[in-house]
């Protein structure tokens, strides 16, 4: 059975990609924002995984500590990341934290893309 071809709606596509660009970033863009001290990087990975390596300067806020909101900032955009492109921890955290008034973005590709692309790592 063939997949049906959907009619393309340019206006909806534009709206979707504008929202995506406003609330996600990639490793190259994140590195630039970090150099300009524009963002607060937050790893929502488990504490033991964070200890093995993380994005330099990132604070660790594992899921069992989300209620405390420790490390989140209201004066900068909080860029959340988890394990990989298919991990939904960062997206789940983004829903919760944005709902509490924190400015949020998500790092696309998460830790895996950051590490595999050869960006600096802190331990």
PDB file of N, CA and C in Angstrom:
ATOM      1  N   UNK A   1       0.844  -1.176   0.000  1.00  0.00           N
ATOM      2  CA  UNK A   1       0.000   0.000   0.000  1.00  0.00           C
ATOM      3  C   UNK A   1       0.892   1.242   0.000  1.00  0.00           C
ATOM      4  N   UNK A   2       0.632   2.140  -0.876  1.00  0.00           N
ATOM      5  CA  UNK A   2       1.419   3.364  -1.000  1.00  0.00           C
ATOM      6  C   UNK A   2       1.016   4.377   0.064  1.00  0.00           C
ATOM      7  N   UNK A   3       1.984   5.144   0.502  1.00  0.00           N
ATOM      8  CA  UNK A   3       1.710   6.223   1.444  1.00  0.00           C
ATOM      9  C   UNK A   3       1.043   7.360   0.683  1.00  0.00           C
ATOM     10  N   UNK A   4      -0.079   7.841   1.190  1.00  0.00           N
ATOM     11  CA  UNK A   4      -0.765   8.932   0.475  1.00  0.00           C
ATOM     12  C   UNK A   4       0.067  10.213   0.499  1.00  0.00           C
ATOM     13  N   UNK A   5       0.061  10.920  -0.602  1.00  0.00           N
ATOM     14  CA  UNK A   5       0.768  12.192  -0.694  1.00  0.00           C
ATOM     15  C   UNK A   5      -0.141  13.266  -0.124  1.00  0.00           C
ATOM     16  N   UNK A   6       0.382  14.000   0.820  1.00  0.00           N
ATOM     17  CA  UNK A   6      -0.417  15.057   1.447  1.00  0.00           C
ATOM     18  C   UNK A   6      -0.187  16.358   0.695  1.00  0.00           C
ATOM     19  N   UNK A   7      -1.238  17.139   0.608  1.00  0.00           N
ATOM     20  CA  UNK A   7      -1.104  18.457  -0.014  1.00  0.00           C
ATOM     21  C   UNK A   7      -0.209  19.307   0.871  1.00  0.00           C
ATOM     22  N   UNK A   8       0.699  20.005   0.275  1.00  0.00           N
ATOM     23  CA  UNK A   8       1.617  20.842   1.042  1.00  0.00           C
ATOM     24  C   UNK A   8       0.998  22.211   1.266  1.00  0.00           C
ATOM     25  N   UNK A   9       1.038  22.640   2.481  1.00  0.00           N
ATOM     26  CA  UNK A   9       0.523  23.945   2.860  1.00  0.00           C
ATOM     27  C   UNK A   9       1.720  24.792   3.276  1.00  0.00           C
ATOM     28  N   UNK A  10       2.145  25.668   2.403  1.00  0.00           N
ATOM     29  CA  UNK A  10       3.343  26.471   2.655  1.00  0.00           C
ATOM     30  C   UNK A  10       3.213  27.301   3.922  1.00  0.00           C
ATOM     31  N   UNK A  11       2.043  27.826   4.195  1.00  0.00           N
ATOM     32  CA  UNK A  11       1.852  28.657   5.387  1.00  0.00           C
ATOM     33  C   UNK A  11       2.033  27.826   6.654  1.00  0.00           C
ATOM     34  N   UNK A  12       1.487  26.600   6.671  1.00  0.00           N
ATOM     35  CA  UNK A  12       1.645  25.734   7.843  1.00  0.00           C
ATOM     36  C   UNK A  12       3.099  25.293   7.991  1.00  0.00           C
ATOM     37  N   UNK A  13       3.761  25.022   6.878  1.00  0.00           N
ATOM     38  CA  UNK A  13       5.164  24.640   6.936  1.00  0.00           C
ATOM     39  C   UNK A  13       5.999  25.776   7.512  1.00  0.00           C
ATOM     40  N   UNK A  14       5.737  27.001   7.070  1.00  0.00           N
ATOM     41  CA  UNK A  14       6.459  28.162   7.574  1.00  0.00           C
ATOM     42  C   UNK A  14       6.242  28.306   9.076  1.00  0.00           C
ATOM     43  N   UNK A  15       5.006  28.173   9.513  1.00  0.00           N
ATOM     44  CA  UNK A  15       4.664  28.280  10.938  1.00  0.00           C
ATOM     45  C   UNK A  15       5.390  27.206  11.751  1.00  0.00           C
ATOM     46  N   UNK A  16       5.389  25.976  11.250  1.00  0.00           N
ATOM     47  CA  UNK A  16       6.057  24.873  11.943  1.00  0.00           C
ATOM     48  C   UNK A  16       7.553  25.140  12.090  1.00  0.00           C
ATOM     49  N   UNK A  17       8.215  25.517  10.998  1.00  0.00           N
ATOM     50  CA  UNK A  17       9.662  25.703  11.051  1.00  0.00           C
ATOM     51  C   UNK A  17      10.066  26.951  11.823  1.00  0.00           C
ATOM     52  N   UNK A  18       9.229  27.967  11.845  1.00  0.00           N
ATOM     53  CA  UNK A  18       9.520  29.132  12.694  1.00  0.00           C
ATOM     54  C   UNK A  18       9.483  28.726  14.161  1.00  0.00           C
ATOM     55  N   UNK A  19       8.494  27.922  14.546  1.00  0.00           N
ATOM     56  CA  UNK A  19       8.404  27.455  15.932  1.00  0.00           C
ATOM     57  C   UNK A  19       9.583  26.547  16.265  1.00  0.00           C
ATOM     58  N   UNK A  20       9.929  25.670  15.339  1.00  0.00           N
ATOM     59  CA  UNK A  20      11.065  24.777  15.566  1.00  0.00           C
ATOM     60  C   UNK A  20      12.340  25.580  15.784  1.00  0.00           C
ATOM     61  N   UNK A  21      12.572  26.574  14.959  1.00  0.00           N
ATOM     62  CA  UNK A  21      13.780  27.397  15.079  1.00  0.00           C
ATOM     63  C   UNK A  21      13.793  28.212  16.373  1.00  0.00           C
ATOM     64  N   UNK A  22      12.620  28.598  16.854  1.00  0.00           N
ATOM     65  CA  UNK A  22      12.541  29.413  18.068  1.00  0.00           C
ATOM     66  C   UNK A  22      12.820  28.603  19.330  1.00  0.00           C
ATOM     67  N   UNK A  23      12.568  27.289  19.276  1.00  0.00           N
ATOM     68  CA  UNK A  23      12.640  26.497  20.500  1.00  0.00           C
ATOM     69  C   UNK A  23      13.629  25.335  20.457  1.00  0.00           C
ATOM     70  N   UNK A  24      14.413  25.233  19.375  1.00  0.00           N
ATOM     71  CA  UNK A  24      15.462  24.217  19.297  1.00  0.00           C
ATOM     72  C   UNK A  24      16.738  24.864  18.780  1.00  0.00           C
ATOM     73  N   UNK A  25      17.852  24.206  19.055  1.00  0.00           N
ATOM     74  CA  UNK A  25      19.138  24.664  18.544  1.00  0.00           C
ATOM     75  C   UNK A  25      20.008  23.448  18.282  1.00  0.00           C
ATOM     76  N   UNK A  26      21.033  23.636  17.500  1.00  0.00           N
ATOM     77  CA  UNK A  26      21.985  22.568  17.229  1.00  0.00           C
ATOM     78  C   UNK A  26      23.286  22.824  17.957  1.00  0.00           C
ATOM     79  N   UNK A  27      24.197  21.865  17.928  1.00  0.00           N
ATOM     80  CA  UNK A  27      25.466  22.006  18.648  1.00  0.00           C
ATOM     81  C   UNK A  27      26.298  23.215  18.222  1.00  0.00           C
ATOM     82  N   UNK A  28      26.376  23.500  16.938  1.00  0.00           N
ATOM     83  CA  UNK A  28      27.192  24.634  16.476  1.00  0.00           C
ATOM     84  C   UNK A  28      26.621  25.942  17.023  1.00  0.00           C
ATOM     85  N   UNK A  29      25.309  26.097  16.912  1.00  0.00           N
ATOM     86  CA  UNK A  29      24.672  27.318  17.412  1.00  0.00           C
ATOM     87  C   UNK A  29      24.795  27.419  18.922  1.00  0.00           C
ATOM     88  N   UNK A  30      24.655  26.279  19.610  1.00  0.00           N
ATOM     89  CA  UNK A  30      24.784  26.297  21.068  1.00  0.00           C
ATOM     90  C   UNK A  30      26.182  26.719  21.477  1.00  0.00           C
ATOM     91  N   UNK A  31      27.190  26.192  20.825  1.00  0.00           N
ATOM     92  CA  UNK A  31      28.559  26.568  21.166  1.00  0.00           C
ATOM     93  C   UNK A  31      28.757  28.080  21.025  1.00  0.00           C
ATOM     94  N   UNK A  32      28.209  28.664  19.973  1.00  0.00           N
ATOM     95  CA  UNK A  32      28.310  30.117  19.782  1.00  0.00           C
ATOM     96  C   UNK A  32      27.586  30.871  20.903  1.00  0.00           C
ATOM     97  N   UNK A  33      26.387  30.414  21.249  1.00  0.00           N
ATOM     98  CA  UNK A  33      25.631  31.068  22.324  1.00  0.00           C
ATOM     99  C   UNK A  33      26.365  30.953  23.657  1.00  0.00           C
ATOM    100  N   UNK A  34      27.029  29.822  23.889  1.00  0.00           N
ATOM    101  CA  UNK A  34      27.783  29.630  25.126  1.00  0.00           C
ATOM    102  C   UNK A  34      28.970  30.593  25.195  1.00  0.00           C
ATOM    103  N   UNK A  35      29.657  30.782  24.084  1.00  0.00           N
ATOM    104  CA  UNK A  35      30.800  31.701  24.060  1.00  0.00           C
ATOM    105  C   UNK A  35      30.366  33.126  24.371  1.00  0.00           C
ATOM    106  N   UNK A  36      29.157  33.477  23.961  1.00  0.00           N
ATOM    107  CA  UNK A  36      28.618  34.817  24.221  1.00  0.00           C
ATOM    108  C   UNK A  36      27.877  34.902  25.548  1.00  0.00           C
ATOM    109  N   UNK A  37      27.895  33.817  26.307  1.00  0.00           N
ATOM    110  CA  UNK A  37      27.243  33.745  27.623  1.00  0.00           C
ATOM    111  C   UNK A  37      25.761  34.123  27.553  1.00  0.00           C
ATOM    112  N   UNK A  38      25.106  33.664  26.475  1.00  0.00           N
ATOM    113  CA  UNK A  38      23.699  33.991  26.241  1.00  0.00           C
ATOM    114  C   UNK A  38      22.735  32.971  26.827  1.00  0.00           C
ATOM    115  N   UNK A  39      23.238  31.784  27.202  1.00  0.00           N
ATOM    116  CA  UNK A  39      22.357  30.691  27.595  1.00  0.00           C
ATOM    117  C   UNK A  39      22.830  30.017  28.874  1.00  0.00           C
ATOM    118  N   UNK A  40      21.930  29.265  29.461  1.00  0.00           N
ATOM    119  CA  UNK A  40      22.201  28.405  30.601  1.00  0.00           C
ATOM    120  C   UNK A  40      21.964  26.978  30.111  1.00  0.00           C
ATOM    121  N   UNK A  41      23.005  26.164  30.075  1.00  0.00           N
ATOM    122  CA  UNK A  41      22.892  24.806  29.557  1.00  0.00           C
ATOM    123  C   UNK A  41      22.540  23.854  30.698  1.00  0.00           C
ATOM    124  N   UNK A  42      21.519  23.023  30.466  1.00  0.00           N
ATOM    125  CA  UNK A  42      21.007  22.139  31.513  1.00  0.00           C
ATOM    126  C   UNK A  42      20.930  20.707  30.988  1.00  0.00           C
ATOM    127  N   UNK A  43      21.681  19.820  31.623  1.00  0.00           N
ATOM    128  CA  UNK A  43      21.636  18.392  31.295  1.00  0.00           C
ATOM    129  C   UNK A  43      20.563  17.744  32.155  1.00  0.00           C
ATOM    130  N   UNK A  44      19.594  17.115  31.514  1.00  0.00           N
ATOM    131  CA  UNK A  44      18.553  16.420  32.274  1.00  0.00           C
ATOM    132  C   UNK A  44      18.836  14.915  32.327  1.00  0.00           C
ATOM    133  N   UNK A  45      20.079  14.545  32.027  1.00  0.00           N
ATOM    134  CA  UNK A  45      20.517  13.154  32.099  1.00  0.00           C
ATOM    135  C   UNK A  45      20.748  12.758  33.564  1.00  0.00           C
ATOM    136  N   UNK A  46      20.841  11.468  33.802  1.00  0.00           N
ATOM    137  CA  UNK A  46      21.088  10.950  35.148  1.00  0.00           C
ATOM    138  C   UNK A  46      22.411  11.477  35.679  1.00  0.00           C
ATOM    139  N   UNK A  47      22.493  11.661  36.986  1.00  0.00           N
ATOM    140  CA  UNK A  47      23.680  12.230  37.627  1.00  0.00           C
ATOM    141  C   UNK A  47      24.945  11.436  37.319  1.00  0.00           C
ATOM    142  N   UNK A  48      24.853  10.110  37.312  1.00  0.00           N
ATOM    143  CA  UNK A  48      26.043   9.301  37.037  1.00  0.00           C
ATOM    144  C   UNK A  48      26.516   9.456  35.591  1.00  0.00           C
ATOM    145  N   UNK A  49      25.599   9.661  34.657  1.00  0.00           N
ATOM    146  CA  UNK A  49      25.975   9.888  33.260  1.00  0.00           C
ATOM    147  C   UNK A  49      26.576  11.284  33.083  1.00  0.00           C
ATOM    148  N   UNK A  50      26.005  12.257  33.766  1.00  0.00           N
ATOM    149  CA  UNK A  50      26.544  13.624  33.759  1.00  0.00           C
ATOM    150  C   UNK A  50      27.983  13.615  34.273  1.00  0.00           C
ATOM    151  N   UNK A  51      28.236  12.869  35.346  1.00  0.00           N
ATOM    152  CA  UNK A  51      29.575  12.811  35.940  1.00  0.00           C
ATOM    153  C   UNK A  51      30.602  12.220  34.977  1.00  0.00           C
ATOM    154  N   UNK A  52      30.170  11.328  34.082  1.00  0.00           N
ATOM    155  CA  UNK A  52      31.078  10.711  33.109  1.00  0.00           C
ATOM    156  C   UNK A  52      31.441  11.683  31.990  1.00  0.00           C
ATOM    157  N   UNK A  53      30.641  12.713  31.791  1.00  0.00           N
ATOM    158  CA  UNK A  53      30.921  13.713  30.774  1.00  0.00           C
ATOM    159  C   UNK A  53      29.683  14.528  30.464  1.00  0.00           C
ATOM    160  N   UNK A  54      29.906  15.824  30.223  1.00  0.00           N
ATOM    161  CA  UNK A  54      28.792  16.714  29.919  1.00  0.00           C
ATOM    162  C   UNK A  54      29.299  17.926  29.145  1.00  0.00           C
ATOM    163  N   UNK A  55      28.374  18.707  28.633  1.00  0.00           N
ATOM    164  CA  UNK A  55      28.717  19.938  27.933  1.00  0.00           C
ATOM    165  C   UNK A  55      29.335  20.892  28.955  1.00  0.00           C
ATOM    166  N   UNK A  56      30.463  21.506  28.624  1.00  0.00           N
ATOM    167  CA  UNK A  56      31.133  22.393  29.586  1.00  0.00           C
ATOM    168  C   UNK A  56      30.191  23.471  30.155  1.00  0.00           C
ATOM    169  N   UNK A  57      30.217  23.576  31.468  1.00  0.00           N
ATOM    170  CA  UNK A  57      29.407  24.581  32.143  1.00  0.00           C
ATOM    171  C   UNK A  57      27.964  24.186  32.379  1.00  0.00           C
ATOM    172  N   UNK A  58      27.549  23.035  31.865  1.00  0.00           N
ATOM    173  CA  UNK A  58      26.161  22.599  32.036  1.00  0.00           C
ATOM    174  C   UNK A  58      25.886  22.250  33.490  1.00  0.00           C
ATOM    175  N   UNK A  59      24.689  22.602  33.941  1.00  0.00           N
ATOM    176  CA  UNK A  59      24.240  22.170  35.258  1.00  0.00           C
ATOM    177  C   UNK A  59      23.464  20.872  35.072  1.00  0.00           C
ATOM    178  N   UNK A  60      23.436  20.047  36.085  1.00  0.00           N
ATOM    179  CA  UNK A  60      22.722  18.773  36.004  1.00  0.00           C
ATOM    180  C   UNK A  60      21.424  18.868  36.780  1.00  0.00           C
ATOM    181  N   UNK A  61      20.343  18.527  36.109  1.00  0.00           N
ATOM    182  CA  UNK A  61      19.026  18.516  36.730  1.00  0.00           C
ATOM    183  C   UNK A  61      18.308  17.239  36.294  1.00  0.00           C
ATOM    184  N   UNK A  62      18.666  16.090  36.915  1.00  0.00           N
ATOM    185  CA  UNK A  62      18.031  14.829  36.542  1.00  0.00           C
ATOM    186  C   UNK A  62      16.547  14.812  36.919  1.00  0.00           C
ATOM    187  N   UNK A  63      15.815  13.934  36.278  1.00  0.00           N
ATOM    188  CA  UNK A  63      14.355  13.906  36.410  1.00  0.00           C
ATOM    189  C   UNK A  63      13.871  13.842  37.860  1.00  0.00           C
ATOM    190  N   UNK A  64      14.572  13.110  38.697  1.00  0.00           N
ATOM    191  CA  UNK A  64      14.121  12.996  40.089  1.00  0.00           C
ATOM    192  C   UNK A  64      14.299  14.290  40.889  1.00  0.00           C
ATOM    193  N   UNK A  65      14.909  15.309  40.262  1.00  0.00           N
ATOM    194  CA  UNK A  65      15.110  16.594  40.934  1.00  0.00           C
ATOM    195  C   UNK A  65      14.371  17.747  40.244  1.00  0.00           C
ATOM    196  N   UNK A  66      13.556  17.447  39.244  1.00  0.00           N
ATOM    197  CA  UNK A  66      12.870  18.507  38.497  1.00  0.00           C
ATOM    198  C   UNK A  66      11.996  19.391  39.373  1.00  0.00           C
ATOM    199  N   UNK A  67      11.398  18.836  40.397  1.00  0.00           N
ATOM    200  CA  UNK A  67      10.499  19.626  41.242  1.00  0.00           C
ATOM    201  C   UNK A  67      11.225  20.790  41.907  1.00  0.00           C
ATOM    202  N   UNK A  68      12.516  20.634  42.188  1.00  0.00           N
ATOM    203  CA  UNK A  68      13.282  21.690  42.840  1.00  0.00           C
ATOM    204  C   UNK A  68      13.723  22.806  41.916  1.00  0.00           C
ATOM    205  N   UNK A  69      13.755  22.546  40.605  1.00  0.00           N
ATOM    206  CA  UNK A  69      14.124  23.540  39.592  1.00  0.00           C
ATOM    207  C   UNK A  69      15.529  24.107  39.785  1.00  0.00           C
ATOM    208  N   UNK A  70      16.379  23.398  40.542  1.00  0.00           N
ATOM    209  CA  UNK A  70      17.730  23.870  40.836  1.00  0.00           C
ATOM    210  C   UNK A  70      18.554  24.013  39.560  1.00  0.00           C
ATOM    211  N   UNK A  71      19.148  25.177  39.393  1.00  0.00           N
ATOM    212  CA  UNK A  71      20.002  25.431  38.250  1.00  0.00           C
ATOM    213  C   UNK A  71      19.325  26.140  37.096  1.00  0.00           C
ATOM    214  N   UNK A  72      17.994  26.183  37.096  1.00  0.00           N
ATOM    215  CA  UNK A  72      17.288  26.895  36.030  1.00  0.00           C
ATOM    216  C   UNK A  72      17.388  28.399  36.263  1.00  0.00           C
ATOM    217  N   UNK A  73      17.331  29.153  35.164  1.00  0.00           N
ATOM    218  CA  UNK A  73      17.453  30.614  35.253  1.00  0.00           C
ATOM    219  C   UNK A  73      16.254  31.262  34.576  1.00  0.00           C
ATOM    220  N   UNK A  74      15.874  32.401  35.090  1.00  0.00           N
ATOM    221  CA  UNK A  74      14.805  33.168  34.451  1.00  0.00           C
ATOM    222  C   UNK A  74      15.369  34.306  33.604  1.00  0.00           C
ATOM    223  N   UNK A  75      16.650  34.626  33.791  1.00  0.00           N
ATOM    224  CA  UNK A  75      17.263  35.741  33.073  1.00  0.00           C
ATOM    225  C   UNK A  75      17.977  35.318  31.792  1.00  0.00           C
ATOM    226  N   UNK A  76      18.047  34.020  31.522  1.00  0.00           N
ATOM    227  CA  UNK A  76      18.663  33.489  30.305  1.00  0.00           C
ATOM    228  C   UNK A  76      17.813  32.330  29.799  1.00  0.00           C
ATOM    229  N   UNK A  77      17.972  32.023  28.525  1.00  0.00           N
ATOM    230  CA  UNK A  77      17.300  30.844  27.975  1.00  0.00           C
ATOM    231  C   UNK A  77      18.018  29.608  28.497  1.00  0.00           C
ATOM    232  N   UNK A  78      17.247  28.667  28.995  1.00  0.00           N
ATOM    233  CA  UNK A  78      17.761  27.393  29.473  1.00  0.00           C
ATOM    234  C   UNK A  78      17.726  26.408  28.312  1.00  0.00           C
ATOM    235  N   UNK A  79      18.894  25.958  27.864  1.00  0.00           N
ATOM    236  CA  UNK A  79      18.962  24.985  26.766  1.00  0.00           C
ATOM    237  C   UNK A  79      19.090  23.607  27.398  1.00  0.00           C
ATOM    238  N   UNK A  80      18.053  22.804  27.225  1.00  0.00           N
ATOM    239  CA  UNK A  80      17.999  21.481  27.825  1.00  0.00           C
ATOM    240  C   UNK A  80      18.523  20.429  26.853  1.00  0.00           C
ATOM    241  N   UNK A  81      19.216  19.439  27.388  1.00  0.00           N
ATOM    242  CA  UNK A  81      19.604  18.308  26.545  1.00  0.00           C
ATOM    243  C   UNK A  81      19.544  17.015  27.340  1.00  0.00           C
ATOM    244  N   UNK A  82      19.266  15.941  26.605  1.00  0.00           N
ATOM    245  CA  UNK A  82      19.264  14.613  27.203  1.00  0.00           C
ATOM    246  C   UNK A  82      20.243  13.738  26.429  1.00  0.00           C
ATOM    247  N   UNK A  83      19.894  12.496  26.161  1.00  0.00           N
ATOM    248  CA  UNK A  83      20.858  11.546  25.620  1.00  0.00           C
ATOM    249  C   UNK A  83      21.038  11.595  24.103  1.00  0.00           C
ATOM    250  N   UNK A  84      19.953  11.655  23.361  1.00  0.00           N
ATOM    251  CA  UNK A  84      20.053  11.536  21.912  1.00  0.00           C
ATOM    252  C   UNK A  84      18.832  12.155  21.239  1.00  0.00           C
ATOM    253  N   UNK A  85      18.814  12.078  19.928  1.00  0.00           N
ATOM    254  CA  UNK A  85      17.704  12.610  19.146  1.00  0.00           C
ATOM    255  C   UNK A  85      16.381  11.930  19.516  1.00  0.00           C
ATOM    256  N   UNK A  86      16.427  10.671  19.885  1.00  0.00           N
ATOM    257  CA  UNK A  86      15.194   9.938  20.172  1.00  0.00           C
ATOM    258  C   UNK A  86      14.816   9.937  21.651  1.00  0.00           C
ATOM    259  N   UNK A  87      15.617  10.558  22.483  1.00  0.00           N
ATOM    260  CA  UNK A  87      15.309  10.671  23.907  1.00  0.00           C
ATOM    261  C   UNK A  87      14.330  11.824  24.106  1.00  0.00           C
ATOM    262  N   UNK A  88      13.303  11.607  24.897  1.00  0.00           N
ATOM    263  CA  UNK A  88      12.298  12.649  25.124  1.00  0.00           C
ATOM    264  C   UNK A  88      12.391  13.290  26.501  1.00  0.00           C
ATOM    265  N   UNK A  89      13.434  13.011  27.243  1.00  0.00           N
ATOM    266  CA  UNK A  89      13.585  13.632  28.563  1.00  0.00           C
ATOM    267  C   UNK A  89      13.639  15.156  28.465  1.00  0.00           C
ATOM    268  N   UNK A  90      14.420  15.681  27.534  1.00  0.00           N
ATOM    269  CA  UNK A  90      14.547  17.137  27.411  1.00  0.00           C
ATOM    270  C   UNK A  90      13.220  17.761  26.990  1.00  0.00           C
ATOM    271  N   UNK A  91      12.516  17.130  26.066  1.00  0.00           N
ATOM    272  CA  UNK A  91      11.225  17.668  25.630  1.00  0.00           C
ATOM    273  C   UNK A  91      10.209  17.623  26.766  1.00  0.00           C
ATOM    274  N   UNK A  92      10.235  16.541  27.528  1.00  0.00           N
ATOM    275  CA  UNK A  92       9.322  16.420  28.673  1.00  0.00           C
ATOM    276  C   UNK A  92       9.641  17.489  29.716  1.00  0.00           C
ATOM    277  N   UNK A  93      10.925  17.677  29.995  1.00  0.00           N
ATOM    278  CA  UNK A  93      11.342  18.715  30.935  1.00  0.00           C
ATOM    279  C   UNK A  93      10.963  20.097  30.406  1.00  0.00           C
ATOM    280  N   UNK A  94      11.108  20.308  29.104  1.00  0.00           N
ATOM    281  CA  UNK A  94      10.777  21.605  28.509  1.00  0.00           C
ATOM    282  C   UNK A  94       9.312  21.955  28.731  1.00  0.00           C
ATOM    283  N   UNK A  95       8.441  20.985  28.572  1.00  0.00           N
ATOM    284  CA  UNK A  95       7.012  21.228  28.816  1.00  0.00           C
ATOM    285  C   UNK A  95       6.789  21.659  30.260  1.00  0.00           C
ATOM    286  N   UNK A  96       7.396  20.933  31.185  1.00  0.00           N
ATOM    287  CA  UNK A  96       7.220  21.240  32.605  1.00  0.00           C
ATOM    288  C   UNK A  96       7.813  22.603  32.967  1.00  0.00           C
ATOM    289  N   UNK A  97       9.061  22.850  32.558  1.00  0.00           N
ATOM    290  CA  UNK A  97       9.741  24.074  32.955  1.00  0.00           C
ATOM    291  C   UNK A  97       9.147  25.312  32.281  1.00  0.00           C
ATOM    292  N   UNK A  98       8.810  25.203  31.006  1.00  0.00           N
ATOM    293  CA  UNK A  98       8.172  26.329  30.309  1.00  0.00           C
ATOM    294  C   UNK A  98       6.815  26.630  30.951  1.00  0.00           C
ATOM    295  N   UNK A  99       6.114  25.591  31.373  1.00  0.00           N
ATOM    296  CA  UNK A  99       4.834  25.770  32.054  1.00  0.00           C
ATOM    297  C   UNK A  99       4.970  26.499  33.373  1.00  0.00           C
ATOM    298  N   UNK A 100       6.180  26.515  33.912  1.00  0.00           N
ATOM    299  CA  UNK A 100       6.449  27.216  35.173  1.00  0.00           C
ATOM    300  C   UNK A 100       7.119  28.566  34.928  1.00  0.00           C
ATOM    301  N   UNK A 101       7.152  28.981  33.669  1.00  0.00           N
ATOM    302  CA  UNK A 101       7.619  30.324  33.346  1.00  0.00           C
ATOM    303  C   UNK A 101       9.079  30.464  32.951  1.00  0.00           C
ATOM    304  N   UNK A 102       9.801  29.369  32.804  1.00  0.00           N
ATOM    305  CA  UNK A 102      11.211  29.445  32.432  1.00  0.00           C
ATOM    306  C   UNK A 102      11.370  29.503  30.920  1.00  0.00           C
ATOM    307  N   UNK A 103      12.261  30.361  30.416  1.00  0.00           N
ATOM    308  CA  UNK A 103      12.544  30.378  28.977  1.00  0.00           C
ATOM    309  C   UNK A 103      13.353  29.127  28.616  1.00  0.00           C
ATOM    310  N   UNK A 104      12.893  28.398  27.603  1.00  0.00           N
ATOM    311  CA  UNK A 104      13.432  27.075  27.301  1.00  0.00           C
ATOM    312  C   UNK A 104      13.707  26.889  25.816  1.00  0.00           C
ATOM    313  N   UNK A 105      14.793  26.175  25.532  1.00  0.00           N
ATOM    314  CA  UNK A 105      15.075  25.623  24.207  1.00  0.00           C
ATOM    315  C   UNK A 105      15.563  24.194  24.417  1.00  0.00           C
ATOM    316  N   UNK A 106      15.557  23.417  23.337  1.00  0.00           N
ATOM    317  CA  UNK A 106      16.073  22.049  23.394  1.00  0.00           C
ATOM    318  C   UNK A 106      17.231  21.905  22.413  1.00  0.00           C
ATOM    319  N   UNK A 107      18.285  21.222  22.840  1.00  0.00           N
ATOM    320  CA  UNK A 107      19.409  20.914  21.960  1.00  0.00           C
ATOM    321  C   UNK A 107      19.042  19.696  21.126  1.00  0.00           C
ATOM    322  N   UNK A 108      18.919  19.894  19.831  1.00  0.00           N
ATOM    323  CA  UNK A 108      18.623  18.762  18.952  1.00  0.00           C
ATOM    324  C   UNK A 108      19.810  17.808  18.927  1.00  0.00           C
ATOM    325  N   UNK A 109      19.520  16.533  18.975  1.00  0.00           N
ATOM    326  CA  UNK A 109      20.565  15.519  18.956  1.00  0.00           C
ATOM    327  C   UNK A 109      21.132  15.188  20.314  1.00  0.00           C
ATOM    328  N   UNK A 110      20.909  16.082  21.270  1.00  0.00           N
ATOM    329  CA  UNK A 110      21.331  15.839  22.643  1.00  0.00           C
ATOM    330  C   UNK A 110      22.818  15.579  22.805  1.00  0.00           C
ATOM    331  N   UNK A 111      23.137  14.887  23.875  1.00  0.00           N
ATOM    332  CA  UNK A 111      24.518  14.584  24.237  1.00  0.00           C
ATOM    333  C   UNK A 111      25.241  13.829  23.123  1.00  0.00           C
ATOM    334  N   UNK A 112      24.547  12.892  22.494  1.00  0.00           N
ATOM    335  CA  UNK A 112      25.194  12.064  21.471  1.00  0.00           C
ATOM    336  C   UNK A 112      25.742  12.919  20.335  1.00  0.00           C
ATOM    337  N   UNK A 113      24.942  13.852  19.810  1.00  0.00           N
ATOM    338  CA  UNK A 113      25.419  14.693  18.705  1.00  0.00           C
ATOM    339  C   UNK A 113      26.547  15.587  19.166  1.00  0.00           C
ATOM    340  N   UNK A 114      26.419  16.154  20.362  1.00  0.00           N
ATOM    341  CA  UNK A 114      27.471  17.034  20.889  1.00  0.00           C
ATOM    342  C   UNK A 114      28.797  16.274  20.946  1.00  0.00           C
ATOM    343  N   UNK A 115      28.771  15.108  21.583  1.00  0.00           N
ATOM    344  CA  UNK A 115      29.981  14.301  21.777  1.00  0.00           C
ATOM    345  C   UNK A 115      30.512  13.766  20.444  1.00  0.00           C
ATOM    346  N   UNK A 116      29.644  13.208  19.630  1.00  0.00           N
ATOM    347  CA  UNK A 116      30.077  12.604  18.364  1.00  0.00           C
ATOM    348  C   UNK A 116      30.595  13.626  17.362  1.00  0.00           C
ATOM    349  N   UNK A 117      30.144  14.879  17.473  1.00  0.00           N
ATOM    350  CA  UNK A 117      30.627  15.926  16.575  1.00  0.00           C
ATOM    351  C   UNK A 117      31.939  16.535  17.055  1.00  0.00           C
ATOM    352  N   UNK A 118      32.461  16.061  18.191  1.00  0.00           N
ATOM    353  CA  UNK A 118      33.778  16.473  18.645  1.00  0.00           C
ATOM    354  C   UNK A 118      33.843  17.792  19.400  1.00  0.00           C
ATOM    355  N   UNK A 119      32.720  18.232  19.941  1.00  0.00           N
ATOM    356  CA  UNK A 119      32.731  19.446  20.756  1.00  0.00           C
ATOM    357  C   UNK A 119      33.370  19.149  22.109  1.00  0.00           C
ATOM    358  N   UNK A 120      33.814  20.208  22.801  1.00  0.00           N
ATOM    359  CA  UNK A 120      34.464  20.045  24.099  1.00  0.00           C
ATOM    360  C   UNK A 120      33.551  19.334  25.096  1.00  0.00           C
ATOM    361  N   UNK A 121      34.186  18.545  25.942  1.00  0.00           N
ATOM    362  CA  UNK A 121      33.479  17.785  26.980  1.00  0.00           C
ATOM    363  C   UNK A 121      34.132  18.091  28.317  1.00  0.00           C
ATOM    364  N   UNK A 122      33.319  18.190  29.330  1.00  0.00           N
ATOM    365  CA  UNK A 122      33.801  18.439  30.697  1.00  0.00           C
ATOM    366  C   UNK A 122      33.451  17.222  31.543  1.00  0.00           C
ATOM    367  N   UNK A 123      34.344  16.883  32.481  1.00  0.00           N
ATOM    368  CA  UNK A 123      34.075  15.774  33.408  1.00  0.00           C
ATOM    369  C   UNK A 123      34.223  16.245  34.822  1.00  0.00           C
TER     370      UNK A 123
END
